[in-house]
Amino acid sequence: MFMKNLSIAGGFLVLGLVGPGTYSFDRLLRKKAQPAAALR
C-alpha cells in the first residue's frame, strides 16, 4: 500500500511541476464550447 501511495504522490508532484497541458479539463471544455475556426 505504501508504494501505491508513493506513486500517486509522485504523479501529483510531476503534474504540479509540469502542468496538465494537453490533458487539462479546461482545454477540453474550451474545445467543445468553441467552434473549430476559433481555435486557430
N, C-alpha and C. Protein backbone atom coordinates (compact mmCIF):
# COMPACT_ATOMS: atom_id res chain seq x y z
N MET A 1 0.82 -1.19 0.00
CA MET A 1 0.00 0.00 0.00
C MET A 1 0.87 1.26 0.00
N PHE A 2 2.02 1.19 0.66
CA PHE A 2 2.91 2.35 0.70
C PHE A 2 3.40 2.72 -0.69
N MET A 3 3.73 1.73 -1.50
CA MET A 3 4.25 2.00 -2.85
C MET A 3 3.17 2.64 -3.72
N LYS A 4 1.93 2.22 -3.56
CA LYS A 4 0.83 2.82 -4.32
C LYS A 4 0.68 4.29 -3.95
N ASN A 5 0.70 4.57 -2.66
CA ASN A 5 0.57 5.96 -2.21
C ASN A 5 1.75 6.81 -2.67
N LEU A 6 2.92 6.22 -2.65
CA LEU A 6 4.11 6.94 -3.10
C LEU A 6 4.04 7.25 -4.59
N SER A 7 3.55 6.32 -5.38
CA SER A 7 3.45 6.56 -6.82
C SER A 7 2.38 7.60 -7.15
N ILE A 8 1.29 7.59 -6.41
CA ILE A 8 0.26 8.62 -6.61
C ILE A 8 0.80 10.00 -6.24
N ALA A 9 1.51 10.09 -5.13
CA ALA A 9 2.10 11.37 -4.72
C ALA A 9 3.12 11.84 -5.75
N GLY A 10 3.91 10.92 -6.30
CA GLY A 10 4.88 11.29 -7.33
C GLY A 10 4.20 11.78 -8.59
N GLY A 11 3.10 11.16 -8.96
CA GLY A 11 2.35 11.62 -10.14
C GLY A 11 1.80 13.02 -9.95
N PHE A 12 1.27 13.31 -8.75
CA PHE A 12 0.77 14.65 -8.47
C PHE A 12 1.91 15.67 -8.44
N LEU A 13 3.06 15.27 -7.96
CA LEU A 13 4.21 16.16 -7.94
C LEU A 13 4.64 16.53 -9.36
N VAL A 14 4.72 15.54 -10.23
CA VAL A 14 5.09 15.80 -11.62
C VAL A 14 4.03 16.67 -12.29
N LEU A 15 2.76 16.38 -12.05
CA LEU A 15 1.69 17.18 -12.64
C LEU A 15 1.75 18.62 -12.14
N GLY A 16 2.08 18.80 -10.87
CA GLY A 16 2.19 20.15 -10.33
C GLY A 16 3.37 20.91 -10.90
N LEU A 17 4.46 20.22 -11.18
CA LEU A 17 5.64 20.89 -11.71
C LEU A 17 5.52 21.20 -13.20
N VAL A 18 4.99 20.26 -13.95
CA VAL A 18 4.94 20.40 -15.41
C VAL A 18 3.67 21.09 -15.86
N GLY A 19 2.57 20.82 -15.19
CA GLY A 19 1.28 21.36 -15.59
C GLY A 19 0.53 20.35 -16.44
N PRO A 20 -0.78 20.48 -16.52
CA PRO A 20 -1.58 19.48 -17.21
C PRO A 20 -1.44 19.51 -18.73
N GLY A 21 -1.25 20.70 -19.32
CA GLY A 21 -1.06 20.79 -20.76
C GLY A 21 -2.22 20.23 -21.56
N THR A 22 -1.96 19.22 -22.35
CA THR A 22 -2.95 18.65 -23.25
C THR A 22 -4.09 17.99 -22.51
N TYR A 23 -3.83 17.48 -21.31
CA TYR A 23 -4.82 16.70 -20.59
C TYR A 23 -5.67 17.52 -19.62
N SER A 24 -5.65 18.84 -19.72
CA SER A 24 -6.41 19.65 -18.77
C SER A 24 -7.89 19.65 -19.13
N PHE A 25 -8.72 19.70 -18.10
CA PHE A 25 -10.16 19.75 -18.31
C PHE A 25 -10.57 21.07 -18.93
N ASP A 26 -9.88 22.16 -18.57
CA ASP A 26 -10.21 23.47 -19.14
C ASP A 26 -10.05 23.46 -20.65
N ARG A 27 -9.00 22.84 -21.13
CA ARG A 27 -8.77 22.80 -22.57
C ARG A 27 -9.84 21.96 -23.26
N LEU A 28 -10.22 20.85 -22.67
CA LEU A 28 -11.25 20.01 -23.27
C LEU A 28 -12.60 20.72 -23.30
N LEU A 29 -12.93 21.42 -22.22
CA LEU A 29 -14.20 22.15 -22.18
C LEU A 29 -14.20 23.32 -23.15
N ARG A 30 -13.06 24.00 -23.26
CA ARG A 30 -12.95 25.12 -24.19
C ARG A 30 -13.07 24.63 -25.63
N LYS A 31 -12.50 23.45 -25.90
CA LYS A 31 -12.52 22.89 -27.25
C LYS A 31 -13.95 22.56 -27.66
N LYS A 32 -14.77 22.04 -26.73
CA LYS A 32 -16.14 21.70 -27.05
C LYS A 32 -17.03 22.94 -27.16
N ALA A 33 -16.73 23.97 -26.40
CA ALA A 33 -17.57 25.15 -26.37
C ALA A 33 -17.37 26.06 -27.58
N GLN A 34 -16.16 26.08 -28.14
CA GLN A 34 -15.87 26.99 -29.24
C GLN A 34 -15.88 26.25 -30.57
N PRO A 35 -16.28 26.94 -31.62
CA PRO A 35 -16.19 26.31 -32.94
C PRO A 35 -14.74 26.08 -33.35
N ALA A 36 -14.53 25.23 -34.32
CA ALA A 36 -13.18 24.85 -34.74
C ALA A 36 -12.40 26.03 -35.30
N ALA A 37 -13.05 26.97 -35.94
CA ALA A 37 -12.36 28.11 -36.52
C ALA A 37 -11.77 29.04 -35.45
N ALA A 38 -12.36 29.07 -34.28
CA ALA A 38 -11.87 29.95 -33.21
C ALA A 38 -10.62 29.42 -32.53
N LEU A 39 -10.28 28.16 -32.74
CA LEU A 39 -9.11 27.59 -32.10
C LEU A 39 -7.82 27.92 -32.83
N ARG A 40 -7.92 28.41 -34.04
CA ARG A 40 -6.71 28.72 -34.82
C ARG A 40 -6.10 30.01 -34.42
